[in-house]
Amino acid sequence: MVFLLQDQNLIFTGALVLMLMIALLEGVMTLIGIGISDLLDNLLPDFDMDVPDSGLSGGLTKLLGWLRFGEVPALILLVAFLVSFGVSGLLIQMLVESTFNLLLPGGLLALGVFFLALPQVRFVGNVLRRFAVGDESQAVGRDSFIGRVAVITIGRAESGSPAEARFRDEYGTTHYVMVEPDETEIFNQGEKVLLVEELGVHFRVTRPSSQHLIENN
């Protein structure tokens, strides 16, 4: 406990504590039938996934796609990052202390650990994308998503600002996709949208035209 509460280790210990708090909140909210996505909606900014592949915005878009953002629930990616960041930082500090009898400055080490954690998050995203989410499984491919009705789970979908949406296919597999409507439409969290066109990393959506279409998806 003394090691975990050292000033140089507080940033890594804090990441693990935050992860435990998220897990506790998720458990409590699941019991009362409410998802934790509304909390993430307030914590995460809206990312424009349809920007040119240049500059800071383009680099951020590539990074989010590399991490499987939009293909795997954002909550899972956040938890994976917190665990990877906290555990990696503490393990490095433990190794340094046992070897040199000192601790590295937490802020300086955190920068390196941040980049060390990203490949771990991508690994988790790839595993869940293949075995849990199944976006590109042999049973269902992304081209078959057209015509599906999904529910906005994170963010506010409007032109230039995609949001995360969720739907379940005929095999019972849940899929998470980034969606963006035309300029004339805006969809808030909880609203249903119809996937009409694949646009690279996200899908163009519109409002379902009939109740019959909603009931059959």
Protein backbone atom coordinates (compact mmCIF):
# COMPACT_ATOMS: atom_id res chain seq x y z
CA MET A 1 0.00 0.00 0.00
CA VAL A 2 2.86 2.36 0.78
CA PHE A 3 4.31 1.67 -2.66
CA LEU A 4 0.98 2.38 -4.37
CA LEU A 5 0.56 5.68 -2.54
CA GLN A 6 4.02 7.05 -3.32
CA ASP A 7 3.77 10.42 -5.08
CA GLN A 8 5.52 9.02 -8.15
CA ASN A 9 2.96 6.21 -8.40
CA LEU A 10 -0.26 8.09 -7.72
CA ILE A 11 -1.07 8.63 -11.41
CA PHE A 12 -0.91 4.88 -12.07
CA THR A 13 -2.73 3.92 -8.88
CA GLY A 14 -5.37 6.51 -9.72
CA ALA A 15 -5.94 4.90 -13.12
CA LEU A 16 -6.65 1.55 -11.47
CA VAL A 17 -8.93 3.16 -8.88
CA LEU A 18 -10.85 4.89 -11.68
CA MET A 19 -11.21 1.56 -13.46
CA LEU A 20 -12.64 -0.02 -10.30
CA MET A 21 -15.07 2.89 -9.90
CA ILE A 22 -16.28 2.43 -13.48
CA ALA A 23 -16.74 -1.30 -12.89
CA LEU A 24 -18.73 -0.58 -9.72
CA LEU A 25 -20.91 1.98 -11.49
CA GLU A 26 -21.54 -0.40 -14.36
CA GLY A 27 -22.61 -3.12 -11.95
CA VAL A 28 -24.95 -0.83 -10.02
CA MET A 29 -26.48 0.69 -13.15
CA THR A 30 -26.94 -2.75 -14.70
CA LEU A 31 -28.93 -3.84 -11.65
CA ILE A 32 -31.32 -0.92 -12.07
CA GLY A 33 -31.54 -1.39 -15.83
CA ILE A 34 -29.60 1.68 -16.95
CA GLY A 35 -26.49 1.60 -19.13
CA ILE A 36 -23.31 3.49 -18.32
CA SER A 37 -23.13 5.00 -21.82
CA ASP A 38 -24.78 8.21 -20.64
CA LEU A 39 -21.84 8.81 -18.32
CA LEU A 40 -19.36 8.33 -21.12
CA ASP A 41 -21.37 10.71 -23.27
CA ASN A 42 -20.45 13.48 -20.83
CA LEU A 43 -16.81 12.43 -20.56
CA LEU A 44 -15.91 11.79 -24.19
CA PRO A 45 -15.90 14.54 -26.83
CA ASP A 46 -17.46 14.04 -30.25
CA PHE A 47 -14.82 12.99 -32.78
CA ASP A 48 -15.12 13.77 -36.45
CA MET A 49 -14.28 10.45 -38.13
CA ASP A 50 -14.62 11.88 -41.64
CA VAL A 51 -11.73 14.34 -41.74
CA PRO A 52 -8.84 14.48 -44.22
CA ASP A 53 -5.92 12.17 -43.47
CA SER A 54 -3.58 15.03 -42.60
CA GLY A 55 -2.88 17.28 -39.66
CA LEU A 56 -3.80 16.77 -36.02
CA SER A 57 -7.45 15.84 -36.69
CA GLY A 58 -6.53 13.32 -39.35
CA GLY A 59 -3.94 11.76 -37.04
CA LEU A 60 -6.49 11.49 -34.24
CA THR A 61 -8.98 9.85 -36.60
CA LYS A 62 -6.38 7.27 -37.65
CA LEU A 63 -5.49 6.59 -34.02
CA LEU A 64 -9.14 6.05 -33.06
CA GLY A 65 -9.63 3.68 -35.98
CA TRP A 66 -6.42 1.82 -35.05
CA LEU A 67 -7.75 1.37 -31.51
CA ARG A 68 -11.05 -0.03 -32.92
CA PHE A 69 -13.03 2.93 -31.62
CA GLY A 70 -16.58 2.52 -32.92
CA GLU A 71 -16.14 -1.20 -33.54
CA VAL A 72 -15.78 -2.11 -29.86
CA PRO A 73 -17.75 -0.42 -27.05
CA ALA A 74 -15.95 2.72 -25.89
CA LEU A 75 -16.36 1.64 -22.27
CA ILE A 76 -14.31 -1.50 -22.89
CA LEU A 77 -11.54 0.46 -24.60
CA LEU A 78 -11.47 2.96 -21.73
CA VAL A 79 -11.22 0.20 -19.11
CA ALA A 80 -8.53 -1.57 -21.14
CA PHE A 81 -6.51 1.64 -21.31
CA LEU A 82 -6.82 2.33 -17.58
CA VAL A 83 -5.74 -1.21 -16.68
CA SER A 84 -2.84 -1.22 -19.16
CA PHE A 85 -1.67 2.24 -18.12
CA GLY A 86 -1.90 1.58 -14.38
CA VAL A 87 -0.40 -1.91 -14.33
CA SER A 88 2.41 -1.08 -16.79
CA GLY A 89 3.41 2.02 -14.84
CA LEU A 90 3.46 0.24 -11.50
CA LEU A 91 5.41 -2.72 -12.88
CA ILE A 92 8.06 -0.42 -14.33
CA GLN A 93 8.32 1.50 -11.04
CA MET A 94 8.60 -1.77 -9.13
CA LEU A 95 11.39 -2.97 -11.40
CA VAL A 96 13.26 0.34 -11.15
CA GLU A 97 12.93 0.43 -7.37
CA SER A 98 14.19 -3.14 -6.94
CA THR A 99 17.14 -2.45 -9.25
CA PHE A 100 18.18 1.11 -8.41
CA ASN A 101 16.34 1.72 -5.12
CA LEU A 102 14.52 4.77 -6.49
CA LEU A 103 11.34 5.72 -8.28
CA LEU A 104 11.09 7.53 -11.61
CA PRO A 105 9.18 10.84 -11.76
CA GLY A 106 5.54 9.91 -12.28
CA GLY A 107 4.76 12.59 -14.85
CA LEU A 108 7.76 11.74 -17.02
CA LEU A 109 7.13 8.00 -16.85
CA ALA A 110 3.43 8.48 -17.57
CA LEU A 111 4.21 9.86 -21.02
CA GLY A 112 6.10 6.72 -22.00
CA VAL A 113 3.57 4.41 -20.38
CA PHE A 114 0.76 6.15 -22.29
CA PHE A 115 2.27 5.06 -25.60
CA LEU A 116 3.09 1.64 -24.15
CA ALA A 117 -0.56 1.14 -23.22
CA LEU A 118 -1.98 1.93 -26.68
CA PRO A 119 -0.86 -1.35 -28.35
CA GLN A 120 -2.38 -3.23 -25.41
CA VAL A 121 -5.69 -1.44 -25.95
CA ARG A 122 -5.57 -2.32 -29.65
CA PHE A 123 -4.91 -5.97 -28.75
CA VAL A 124 -7.98 -6.03 -26.50
CA GLY A 125 -10.01 -4.31 -29.21
CA ASN A 126 -8.94 -6.85 -31.83
CA VAL A 127 -9.76 -9.81 -29.56
CA LEU A 128 -13.20 -8.51 -28.62
CA ARG A 129 -13.93 -7.40 -32.16
CA ARG A 130 -13.31 -10.93 -33.40
CA PHE A 131 -14.66 -13.09 -30.60
CA ALA A 132 -17.18 -10.92 -28.72
CA VAL A 133 -18.51 -8.20 -30.99
CA GLY A 134 -18.04 -10.10 -34.25
CA ASP A 135 -18.27 -7.09 -36.60
CA GLU A 136 -16.32 -8.96 -39.25
CA SER A 137 -17.13 -12.55 -38.39
CA GLN A 138 -17.77 -15.15 -41.07
CA ALA A 139 -21.49 -14.98 -40.26
CA VAL A 140 -21.99 -11.24 -40.72
CA GLY A 141 -19.92 -8.72 -42.69
CA ARG A 142 -20.09 -4.93 -42.62
CA ASP A 143 -21.75 -4.85 -46.04
CA SER A 144 -24.74 -6.64 -44.51
CA PHE A 145 -25.25 -3.83 -41.99
CA ILE A 146 -27.08 -1.74 -44.60
CA GLY A 147 -30.78 -1.69 -43.80
CA ARG A 148 -30.29 -2.36 -40.09
CA VAL A 149 -31.95 -0.19 -37.45
CA ALA A 150 -29.56 0.83 -34.67
CA VAL A 151 -29.86 2.83 -31.45
CA ILE A 152 -27.58 5.77 -30.68
CA THR A 153 -25.62 4.83 -27.54
CA ILE A 154 -22.89 7.46 -27.20
CA GLY A 155 -22.81 11.02 -28.48
CA ARG A 156 -25.05 13.12 -30.69
CA ALA A 157 -25.08 12.17 -34.37
CA GLU A 158 -25.09 15.10 -36.75
CA SER A 159 -23.37 16.04 -39.98
CA GLY A 160 -19.61 16.16 -39.37
CA SER A 161 -19.92 14.60 -35.90
CA PRO A 162 -20.55 10.83 -35.87
CA ALA A 163 -21.88 9.03 -32.79
CA GLU A 164 -21.76 5.42 -31.64
CA ALA A 165 -24.77 3.21 -32.35
CA ARG A 166 -25.64 -0.37 -31.46
CA PHE A 167 -27.75 -3.10 -33.06
CA ARG A 168 -28.14 -6.87 -32.83
CA ASP A 169 -28.08 -9.13 -35.88
CA GLU A 170 -30.11 -12.26 -36.56
CA TYR A 171 -27.44 -14.39 -34.85
CA GLY A 172 -27.81 -12.46 -31.60
CA THR A 173 -24.44 -10.72 -32.00
CA THR A 174 -24.29 -7.10 -30.87
CA HIS A 175 -22.48 -4.68 -33.20
CA TYR A 176 -21.19 -1.18 -32.46
CA VAL A 177 -20.73 1.25 -35.37
CA MET A 178 -20.09 4.94 -35.86
CA VAL A 179 -22.95 6.68 -37.64
CA GLU A 180 -23.49 10.11 -39.20
CA PRO A 181 -26.68 11.57 -40.76
CA ASP A 182 -27.13 14.09 -43.55
CA GLU A 183 -26.92 17.81 -42.82
CA THR A 184 -30.67 18.11 -42.23
CA GLU A 185 -30.93 15.51 -39.47
CA ILE A 186 -29.73 15.23 -35.87
CA PHE A 187 -30.06 12.13 -33.67
CA ASN A 188 -29.64 12.13 -29.90
CA GLN A 189 -28.76 9.29 -27.57
CA GLY A 190 -31.53 6.65 -27.46
CA GLU A 191 -32.98 7.48 -30.88
CA LYS A 192 -33.22 4.84 -33.61
CA VAL A 193 -31.52 5.25 -36.99
CA LEU A 194 -31.51 3.32 -40.28
CA LEU A 195 -28.10 2.43 -41.76
CA VAL A 196 -28.24 3.29 -45.47
CA GLU A 197 -24.64 3.57 -46.69
CA GLU A 198 -21.12 2.58 -45.59
CA LEU A 199 -18.73 5.53 -45.60
CA GLY A 200 -15.33 4.12 -44.67
CA VAL A 201 -15.10 3.87 -40.89
CA HIS A 202 -18.72 4.89 -40.29
CA PHE A 203 -22.21 4.62 -41.80
CA ARG A 204 -24.58 7.23 -43.15
CA VAL A 205 -27.96 6.98 -41.44
CA THR A 206 -31.45 8.37 -41.74
CA ARG A 207 -34.65 8.18 -39.73
CA PRO A 208 -36.52 4.84 -40.12
CA SER A 209 -39.44 5.37 -42.48
CA SER A 210 -41.96 3.09 -40.77
CA GLN A 211 -42.76 1.36 -37.50
CA HIS A 212 -42.82 -1.95 -39.37
CA LEU A 213 -39.16 -1.48 -40.34
CA ILE A 214 -38.22 -0.80 -36.70
CA GLU A 215 -40.10 -3.85 -35.40
CA ASN A 216 -38.38 -6.15 -37.89
CA ASN A 217 -34.83 -5.14 -36.91
